[in-house]
Amino acid sequence: MKEIEELYKSRNECIHAGLVDVEKAEIDRAVRLVAKTVEAICSRPPYCVAHALKDILAQIDPPLARSDEARSRWVAENAYFRWLNG
């Protein structure tokens, strides 16, 4: 979690403070974190049984499958967790 917080801080500095000179070590850490995350997701069902990337993407965000109610709930939950971590 600490690594995520540090990377998010760097992201905020880039977005909000205009930082454009990011150290290579930070970029490498971000890439490793993304790789670990993708590996963790893809090693569990239903993703580990997918035959193609499109199958994985369909599981993550099925095209046109989200109802307005489901999308509203997702937005509300996401906002709540962002507020908690605020």
PDB file of N, CA and C in Angstrom:
ATOM      1  N   MET A   1       0.827  -1.186   0.000  1.00  0.00           N
ATOM      2  CA  MET A   1       0.000   0.000   0.000  1.00  0.00           C
ATOM      3  C   MET A   1       0.877   1.257   0.000  1.00  0.00           C
ATOM      4  N   LYS A   2       1.980   1.197   0.713  1.00  0.00           N
ATOM      5  CA  LYS A   2       2.869   2.349   0.768  1.00  0.00           C
ATOM      6  C   LYS A   2       3.394   2.701  -0.627  1.00  0.00           C
ATOM      7  N   GLU A   3       3.740   1.667  -1.381  1.00  0.00           N
ATOM      8  CA  GLU A   3       4.252   1.892  -2.736  1.00  0.00           C
ATOM      9  C   GLU A   3       3.194   2.563  -3.613  1.00  0.00           C
ATOM     10  N   ILE A   4       1.955   2.130  -3.487  1.00  0.00           N
ATOM     11  CA  ILE A   4       0.865   2.736  -4.245  1.00  0.00           C
ATOM     12  C   ILE A   4       0.691   4.197  -3.848  1.00  0.00           C
ATOM     13  N   GLU A   5       0.736   4.468  -2.550  1.00  0.00           N
ATOM     14  CA  GLU A   5       0.592   5.847  -2.077  1.00  0.00           C
ATOM     15  C   GLU A   5       1.709   6.742  -2.611  1.00  0.00           C
ATOM     16  N   GLU A   6       2.935   6.230  -2.629  1.00  0.00           N
ATOM     17  CA  GLU A   6       4.055   7.020  -3.136  1.00  0.00           C
ATOM     18  C   GLU A   6       3.904   7.289  -4.633  1.00  0.00           C
ATOM     19  N   LEU A   7       3.482   6.281  -5.375  1.00  0.00           N
ATOM     20  CA  LEU A   7       3.279   6.464  -6.808  1.00  0.00           C
ATOM     21  C   LEU A   7       2.131   7.431  -7.079  1.00  0.00           C
ATOM     22  N   TYR A   8       1.099   7.354  -6.268  1.00  0.00           N
ATOM     23  CA  TYR A   8      -0.041   8.265  -6.436  1.00  0.00           C
ATOM     24  C   TYR A   8       0.378   9.700  -6.132  1.00  0.00           C
ATOM     25  N   LYS A   9       1.251   9.866  -5.156  1.00  0.00           N
ATOM     26  CA  LYS A   9       1.772  11.195  -4.840  1.00  0.00           C
ATOM     27  C   LYS A   9       2.544  11.759  -6.033  1.00  0.00           C
ATOM     28  N   SER A  10       3.364  10.929  -6.649  1.00  0.00           N
ATOM     29  CA  SER A  10       4.106  11.356  -7.843  1.00  0.00           C
ATOM     30  C   SER A  10       3.149  11.696  -8.977  1.00  0.00           C
ATOM     31  N   ARG A  11       2.138  10.894  -9.121  1.00  0.00           N
ATOM     32  CA  ARG A  11       1.124  11.158 -10.153  1.00  0.00           C
ATOM     33  C   ARG A  11       0.472  12.507  -9.915  1.00  0.00           C
ATOM     34  N   ASN A  12       0.114  12.791  -8.668  1.00  0.00           N
ATOM     35  CA  ASN A  12      -0.502  14.074  -8.343  1.00  0.00           C
ATOM     36  C   ASN A  12       0.433  15.235  -8.647  1.00  0.00           C
ATOM     37  N   GLU A  13       1.709  15.059  -8.353  1.00  0.00           N
ATOM     38  CA  GLU A  13       2.674  16.114  -8.649  1.00  0.00           C
ATOM     39  C   GLU A  13       2.755  16.369 -10.148  1.00  0.00           C
ATOM     40  N   CYS A  14       2.667  15.310 -10.929  1.00  0.00           N
ATOM     41  CA  CYS A  14       2.691  15.465 -12.390  1.00  0.00           C
ATOM     42  C   CYS A  14       1.430  16.171 -12.888  1.00  0.00           C
ATOM     43  N   ILE A  15       0.297  15.739 -12.384  1.00  0.00           N
ATOM     44  CA  ILE A  15      -0.980  16.261 -12.865  1.00  0.00           C
ATOM     45  C   ILE A  15      -1.242  17.676 -12.348  1.00  0.00           C
ATOM     46  N   HIS A  16      -1.087  17.883 -11.050  1.00  0.00           N
ATOM     47  CA  HIS A  16      -1.519  19.135 -10.441  1.00  0.00           C
ATOM     48  C   HIS A  16      -0.417  20.180 -10.301  1.00  0.00           C
ATOM     49  N   ALA A  17       0.830  19.746 -10.206  1.00  0.00           N
ATOM     50  CA  ALA A  17       1.913  20.710 -10.011  1.00  0.00           C
ATOM     51  C   ALA A  17       2.759  20.889 -11.272  1.00  0.00           C
ATOM     52  N   GLY A  18       2.443  20.145 -12.302  1.00  0.00           N
ATOM     53  CA  GLY A  18       3.165  20.296 -13.550  1.00  0.00           C
ATOM     54  C   GLY A  18       4.533  19.642 -13.585  1.00  0.00           C
ATOM     55  N   LEU A  19       4.800  18.719 -12.659  1.00  0.00           N
ATOM     56  CA  LEU A  19       6.076  18.006 -12.655  1.00  0.00           C
ATOM     57  C   LEU A  19       6.195  17.188 -13.942  1.00  0.00           C
ATOM     58  N   VAL A  20       7.279  17.375 -14.656  1.00  0.00           N
ATOM     59  CA  VAL A  20       7.467  16.620 -15.887  1.00  0.00           C
ATOM     60  C   VAL A  20       8.732  15.775 -15.841  1.00  0.00           C
ATOM     61  N   ASP A  21       9.566  15.997 -14.853  1.00  0.00           N
ATOM     62  CA  ASP A  21      10.828  15.267 -14.743  1.00  0.00           C
ATOM     63  C   ASP A  21      10.688  14.204 -13.654  1.00  0.00           C
ATOM     64  N   VAL A  22      10.268  13.006 -14.075  1.00  0.00           N
ATOM     65  CA  VAL A  22      10.073  11.901 -13.142  1.00  0.00           C
ATOM     66  C   VAL A  22      11.288  10.998 -13.224  1.00  0.00           C
ATOM     67  N   GLU A  23      11.785  10.586 -12.071  1.00  0.00           N
ATOM     68  CA  GLU A  23      12.966   9.718 -12.042  1.00  0.00           C
ATOM     69  C   GLU A  23      12.639   8.355 -12.656  1.00  0.00           C
ATOM     70  N   LYS A  24      13.623   7.808 -13.354  1.00  0.00           N
ATOM     71  CA  LYS A  24      13.464   6.502 -13.997  1.00  0.00           C
ATOM     72  C   LYS A  24      13.105   5.428 -12.975  1.00  0.00           C
ATOM     73  N   ALA A  25      13.662   5.521 -11.789  1.00  0.00           N
ATOM     74  CA  ALA A  25      13.370   4.526 -10.747  1.00  0.00           C
ATOM     75  C   ALA A  25      11.875   4.519 -10.406  1.00  0.00           C
ATOM     76  N   GLU A  26      11.237   5.693 -10.393  1.00  0.00           N
ATOM     77  CA  GLU A  26       9.803   5.748 -10.100  1.00  0.00           C
ATOM     78  C   GLU A  26       8.989   5.139 -11.227  1.00  0.00           C
ATOM     79  N   ILE A  27       9.401   5.397 -12.448  1.00  0.00           N
ATOM     80  CA  ILE A  27       8.701   4.802 -13.593  1.00  0.00           C
ATOM     81  C   ILE A  27       8.859   3.289 -13.555  1.00  0.00           C
ATOM     82  N   ASP A  28      10.048   2.804 -13.245  1.00  0.00           N
ATOM     83  CA  ASP A  28      10.281   1.359 -13.138  1.00  0.00           C
ATOM     84  C   ASP A  28       9.411   0.742 -12.047  1.00  0.00           C
ATOM     85  N   ARG A  29       9.292   1.435 -10.910  1.00  0.00           N
ATOM     86  CA  ARG A  29       8.433   0.935  -9.818  1.00  0.00           C
ATOM     87  C   ARG A  29       6.986   0.861 -10.275  1.00  0.00           C
ATOM     88  N   ALA A  30       6.528   1.860 -11.000  1.00  0.00           N
ATOM     89  CA  ALA A  30       5.149   1.872 -11.487  1.00  0.00           C
ATOM     90  C   ALA A  30       4.919   0.714 -12.451  1.00  0.00           C
ATOM     91  N   VAL A  31       5.858   0.486 -13.344  1.00  0.00           N
ATOM     92  CA  VAL A  31       5.730  -0.608 -14.304  1.00  0.00           C
ATOM     93  C   VAL A  31       5.691  -1.955 -13.582  1.00  0.00           C
ATOM     94  N   ARG A  32       6.563  -2.140 -12.583  1.00  0.00           N
ATOM     95  CA  ARG A  32       6.562  -3.399 -11.821  1.00  0.00           C
ATOM     96  C   ARG A  32       5.236  -3.592 -11.089  1.00  0.00           C
ATOM     97  N   LEU A  33       4.699  -2.520 -10.512  1.00  0.00           N
ATOM     98  CA  LEU A  33       3.429  -2.616  -9.799  1.00  0.00           C
ATOM     99  C   LEU A  33       2.299  -3.003 -10.750  1.00  0.00           C
ATOM    100  N   VAL A  34       2.258  -2.399 -11.909  1.00  0.00           N
ATOM    101  CA  VAL A  34       1.231  -2.740 -12.896  1.00  0.00           C
ATOM    102  C   VAL A  34       1.393  -4.198 -13.326  1.00  0.00           C
ATOM    103  N   ALA A  35       2.617  -4.625 -13.577  1.00  0.00           N
ATOM    104  CA  ALA A  35       2.859  -6.014 -13.987  1.00  0.00           C
ATOM    105  C   ALA A  35       2.398  -6.995 -12.906  1.00  0.00           C
ATOM    106  N   LYS A  36       2.706  -6.691 -11.637  1.00  0.00           N
ATOM    107  CA  LYS A  36       2.264  -7.570 -10.540  1.00  0.00           C
ATOM    108  C   LYS A  36       0.746  -7.600 -10.443  1.00  0.00           C
ATOM    109  N   THR A  37       0.123  -6.466 -10.648  1.00  0.00           N
ATOM    110  CA  THR A  37      -1.335  -6.389 -10.570  1.00  0.00           C
ATOM    111  C   THR A  37      -1.980  -7.200 -11.684  1.00  0.00           C
ATOM    112  N   VAL A  38      -1.484  -7.035 -12.900  1.00  0.00           N
ATOM    113  CA  VAL A  38      -2.026  -7.789 -14.032  1.00  0.00           C
ATOM    114  C   VAL A  38      -1.817  -9.283 -13.817  1.00  0.00           C
ATOM    115  N   GLU A  39      -0.649  -9.667 -13.341  1.00  0.00           N
ATOM    116  CA  GLU A  39      -0.388 -11.086 -13.074  1.00  0.00           C
ATOM    117  C   GLU A  39      -1.357 -11.634 -12.028  1.00  0.00           C
ATOM    118  N   ALA A  40      -1.595 -10.861 -10.973  1.00  0.00           N
ATOM    119  CA  ALA A  40      -2.513 -11.313  -9.921  1.00  0.00           C
ATOM    120  C   ALA A  40      -3.933 -11.465 -10.452  1.00  0.00           C
ATOM    121  N   ILE A  41      -4.364 -10.525 -11.266  1.00  0.00           N
ATOM    122  CA  ILE A  41      -5.716 -10.601 -11.825  1.00  0.00           C
ATOM    123  C   ILE A  41      -5.836 -11.780 -12.780  1.00  0.00           C
ATOM    124  N   CYS A  42      -4.862 -11.922 -13.649  1.00  0.00           N
ATOM    125  CA  CYS A  42      -4.945 -12.949 -14.699  1.00  0.00           C
ATOM    126  C   CYS A  42      -4.705 -14.361 -14.176  1.00  0.00           C
ATOM    127  N   SER A  43      -4.279 -14.514 -12.946  1.00  0.00           N
ATOM    128  CA  SER A  43      -4.054 -15.851 -12.408  1.00  0.00           C
ATOM    129  C   SER A  43      -5.279 -16.389 -11.677  1.00  0.00           C
ATOM    130  N   ARG A  44      -6.362 -15.620 -11.667  1.00  0.00           N
ATOM    131  CA  ARG A  44      -7.585 -16.038 -10.967  1.00  0.00           C
ATOM    132  C   ARG A  44      -8.754 -16.130 -11.941  1.00  0.00           C
ATOM    133  N   PRO A  45      -9.688 -17.057 -11.651  1.00  0.00           N
ATOM    134  CA  PRO A  45     -10.893 -17.136 -12.479  1.00  0.00           C
ATOM    135  C   PRO A  45     -11.700 -15.845 -12.336  1.00  0.00           C
ATOM    136  N   PRO A  46     -12.389 -15.429 -13.314  1.00  0.00           N
ATOM    137  CA  PRO A  46     -12.582 -16.051 -14.616  1.00  0.00           C
ATOM    138  C   PRO A  46     -11.489 -15.686 -15.627  1.00  0.00           C
ATOM    139  N   TYR A  47     -10.566 -14.829 -15.225  1.00  0.00           N
ATOM    140  CA  TYR A  47      -9.566 -14.328 -16.176  1.00  0.00           C
ATOM    141  C   TYR A  47      -8.567 -15.382 -16.599  1.00  0.00           C
ATOM    142  N   CYS A  48      -8.214 -16.304 -15.713  1.00  0.00           N
ATOM    143  CA  CYS A  48      -7.191 -17.302 -16.040  1.00  0.00           C
ATOM    144  C   CYS A  48      -7.669 -18.313 -17.079  1.00  0.00           C
ATOM    145  N   VAL A  49      -8.970 -18.388 -17.307  1.00  0.00           N
ATOM    146  CA  VAL A  49      -9.490 -19.318 -18.309  1.00  0.00           C
ATOM    147  C   VAL A  49      -9.850 -18.621 -19.618  1.00  0.00           C
ATOM    148  N   ALA A  50      -9.589 -17.338 -19.693  1.00  0.00           N
ATOM    149  CA  ALA A  50      -9.877 -16.593 -20.919  1.00  0.00           C
ATOM    150  C   ALA A  50      -8.907 -17.013 -22.017  1.00  0.00           C
ATOM    151  N   HIS A  51      -9.387 -16.993 -23.234  1.00  0.00           N
ATOM    152  CA  HIS A  51      -8.559 -17.395 -24.371  1.00  0.00           C
ATOM    153  C   HIS A  51      -7.962 -16.207 -25.114  1.00  0.00           C
ATOM    154  N   ALA A  52      -8.483 -15.020 -24.844  1.00  0.00           N
ATOM    155  CA  ALA A  52      -7.995 -13.838 -25.543  1.00  0.00           C
ATOM    156  C   ALA A  52      -8.200 -12.606 -24.663  1.00  0.00           C
ATOM    157  N   LEU A  53      -7.459 -11.569 -24.967  1.00  0.00           N
ATOM    158  CA  LEU A  53      -7.578 -10.325 -24.213  1.00  0.00           C
ATOM    159  C   LEU A  53      -8.999  -9.790 -24.248  1.00  0.00           C
ATOM    160  N   LYS A  54      -9.677  -9.940 -25.373  1.00  0.00           N
ATOM    161  CA  LYS A  54     -11.054  -9.434 -25.467  1.00  0.00           C
ATOM    162  C   LYS A  54     -11.971 -10.125 -24.464  1.00  0.00           C
ATOM    163  N   ASP A  55     -11.691 -11.393 -24.146  1.00  0.00           N
ATOM    164  CA  ASP A  55     -12.487 -12.109 -23.145  1.00  0.00           C
ATOM    165  C   ASP A  55     -12.268 -11.522 -21.750  1.00  0.00           C
ATOM    166  N   ILE A  56     -11.023 -11.175 -21.456  1.00  0.00           N
ATOM    167  CA  ILE A  56     -10.708 -10.553 -20.163  1.00  0.00           C
ATOM    168  C   ILE A  56     -11.375  -9.193 -20.072  1.00  0.00           C
ATOM    169  N   LEU A  57     -11.248  -8.403 -21.123  1.00  0.00           N
ATOM    170  CA  LEU A  57     -11.855  -7.066 -21.118  1.00  0.00           C
ATOM    171  C   LEU A  57     -13.369  -7.139 -21.001  1.00  0.00           C
ATOM    172  N   ALA A  58     -13.978  -8.139 -21.614  1.00  0.00           N
ATOM    173  CA  ALA A  58     -15.422  -8.302 -21.507  1.00  0.00           C
ATOM    174  C   ALA A  58     -15.842  -8.619 -20.074  1.00  0.00           C
ATOM    175  N   GLN A  59     -14.982  -9.328 -19.327  1.00  0.00           N
ATOM    176  CA  GLN A  59     -15.273  -9.612 -17.923  1.00  0.00           C
ATOM    177  C   GLN A  59     -15.149  -8.353 -17.068  1.00  0.00           C
ATOM    178  N   ILE A  60     -14.178  -7.519 -17.394  1.00  0.00           N
ATOM    179  CA  ILE A  60     -13.927  -6.313 -16.598  1.00  0.00           C
ATOM    180  C   ILE A  60     -15.009  -5.273 -16.824  1.00  0.00           C
ATOM    181  N   ASP A  61     -15.357  -5.042 -18.074  1.00  0.00           N
ATOM    182  CA  ASP A  61     -16.360  -4.025 -18.395  1.00  0.00           C
ATOM    183  C   ASP A  61     -17.158  -4.488 -19.607  1.00  0.00           C
ATOM    184  N   PRO A  62     -18.157  -5.328 -19.369  1.00  0.00           N
ATOM    185  CA  PRO A  62     -18.928  -5.854 -20.495  1.00  0.00           C
ATOM    186  C   PRO A  62     -19.553  -4.720 -21.306  1.00  0.00           C
ATOM    187  N   PRO A  63     -19.353  -4.732 -22.613  1.00  0.00           N
ATOM    188  CA  PRO A  63     -19.911  -3.668 -23.436  1.00  0.00           C
ATOM    189  C   PRO A  63     -21.430  -3.644 -23.354  1.00  0.00           C
ATOM    190  N   LEU A  64     -21.958  -2.487 -23.043  1.00  0.00           N
ATOM    191  CA  LEU A  64     -23.393  -2.248 -22.964  1.00  0.00           C
ATOM    192  C   LEU A  64     -24.100  -3.135 -21.946  1.00  0.00           C
ATOM    193  N   ALA A  65     -23.354  -3.841 -21.114  1.00  0.00           N
ATOM    194  CA  ALA A  65     -23.986  -4.747 -20.149  1.00  0.00           C
ATOM    195  C   ALA A  65     -24.360  -4.025 -18.863  1.00  0.00           C
ATOM    196  N   ARG A  66     -23.728  -2.902 -18.611  1.00  0.00           N
ATOM    197  CA  ARG A  66     -24.039  -2.185 -17.379  1.00  0.00           C
ATOM    198  C   ARG A  66     -25.331  -1.396 -17.531  1.00  0.00           C
ATOM    199  N   SER A  67     -26.224  -1.625 -16.619  1.00  0.00           N
ATOM    200  CA  SER A  67     -27.454  -0.841 -16.614  1.00  0.00           C
ATOM    201  C   SER A  67     -27.161   0.519 -16.004  1.00  0.00           C
ATOM    202  N   ASP A  68     -28.072   1.432 -16.169  1.00  0.00           N
ATOM    203  CA  ASP A  68     -27.903   2.746 -15.559  1.00  0.00           C
ATOM    204  C   ASP A  68     -27.806   2.617 -14.040  1.00  0.00           C
ATOM    205  N   GLU A  69     -28.593   1.705 -13.484  1.00  0.00           N
ATOM    206  CA  GLU A  69     -28.567   1.497 -12.031  1.00  0.00           C
ATOM    207  C   GLU A  69     -27.207   0.960 -11.581  1.00  0.00           C
ATOM    208  N   ALA A  70     -26.665  -0.009 -12.302  1.00  0.00           N
ATOM    209  CA  ALA A  70     -25.367  -0.577 -11.948  1.00  0.00           C
ATOM    210  C   ALA A  70     -24.271   0.470 -12.088  1.00  0.00           C
ATOM    211  N   ARG A  71     -24.324   1.265 -13.137  1.00  0.00           N
ATOM    212  CA  ARG A  71     -23.323   2.316 -13.338  1.00  0.00           C
ATOM    213  C   ARG A  71     -23.423   3.364 -12.230  1.00  0.00           C
ATOM    214  N   SER A  72     -24.645   3.739 -11.856  1.00  0.00           N
ATOM    215  CA  SER A  72     -24.828   4.715 -10.776  1.00  0.00           C
ATOM    216  C   SER A  72     -24.285   4.169  -9.458  1.00  0.00           C
ATOM    217  N   ARG A  73     -24.541   2.893  -9.191  1.00  0.00           N
ATOM    218  CA  ARG A  73     -24.031   2.276  -7.971  1.00  0.00           C
ATOM    219  C   ARG A  73     -22.504   2.265  -7.978  1.00  0.00           C
ATOM    220  N   TRP A  74     -21.914   1.923  -9.135  1.00  0.00           N
ATOM    221  CA  TRP A  74     -20.453   1.900  -9.254  1.00  0.00           C
ATOM    222  C   TRP A  74     -19.879   3.282  -9.007  1.00  0.00           C
ATOM    223  N   VAL A  75     -20.473   4.307  -9.576  1.00  0.00           N
ATOM    224  CA  VAL A  75     -19.993   5.678  -9.382  1.00  0.00           C
ATOM    225  C   VAL A  75     -20.101   6.064  -7.910  1.00  0.00           C
ATOM    226  N   ALA A  76     -21.224   5.738  -7.276  1.00  0.00           N
ATOM    227  CA  ALA A  76     -21.411   6.077  -5.868  1.00  0.00           C
ATOM    228  C   ALA A  76     -20.396   5.364  -4.983  1.00  0.00           C
ATOM    229  N   GLU A  77     -20.171   4.076  -5.218  1.00  0.00           N
ATOM    230  CA  GLU A  77     -19.204   3.321  -4.418  1.00  0.00           C
ATOM    231  C   GLU A  77     -17.791   3.848  -4.630  1.00  0.00           C
ATOM    232  N   ASN A  78     -17.449   4.150  -5.862  1.00  0.00           N
ATOM    233  CA  ASN A  78     -16.130   4.669  -6.169  1.00  0.00           C
ATOM    234  C   ASN A  78     -15.916   6.012  -5.472  1.00  0.00           C
ATOM    235  N   ALA A  79     -16.914   6.875  -5.516  1.00  0.00           N
ATOM    236  CA  ALA A  79     -16.814   8.176  -4.855  1.00  0.00           C
ATOM    237  C   ALA A  79     -16.661   8.009  -3.347  1.00  0.00           C
ATOM    238  N   TYR A  80     -17.399   7.067  -2.773  1.00  0.00           N
ATOM    239  CA  TYR A  80     -17.319   6.822  -1.340  1.00  0.00           C
ATOM    240  C   TYR A  80     -15.911   6.380  -0.940  1.00  0.00           C
ATOM    241  N   PHE A  81     -15.335   5.441  -1.689  1.00  0.00           N
ATOM    242  CA  PHE A  81     -13.990   4.965  -1.345  1.00  0.00           C
ATOM    243  C   PHE A  81     -12.946   6.052  -1.553  1.00  0.00           C
ATOM    244  N   ARG A  82     -13.133   6.887  -2.556  1.00  0.00           N
ATOM    245  CA  ARG A  82     -12.204   8.008  -2.740  1.00  0.00           C
ATOM    246  C   ARG A  82     -12.316   8.976  -1.565  1.00  0.00           C
ATOM    247  N   TRP A  83     -13.540   9.196  -1.095  1.00  0.00           N
ATOM    248  CA  TRP A  83     -13.744  10.091   0.046  1.00  0.00           C
ATOM    249  C   TRP A  83     -13.075   9.507   1.290  1.00  0.00           C
ATOM    250  N   LEU A  84     -13.220   8.192   1.505  1.00  0.00           N
ATOM    251  CA  LEU A  84     -12.600   7.543   2.653  1.00  0.00           C
ATOM    252  C   LEU A  84     -11.080   7.705   2.638  1.00  0.00           C
ATOM    253  N   ASN A  85     -10.492   7.577   1.465  1.00  0.00           N
ATOM    254  CA  ASN A  85      -9.043   7.648   1.328  1.00  0.00           C
ATOM    255  C   ASN A  85      -8.553   9.070   1.147  1.00  0.00           C
ATOM    256  N   GLY A  86      -9.479  10.008   1.048  1.00  0.00           N
ATOM    257  CA  GLY A  86      -9.273  11.406   0.799  1.00  0.00           C
ATOM    258  C   GLY A  86      -8.104  12.078   1.215  1.00  0.00           C
TER     259      GLY A  86
END
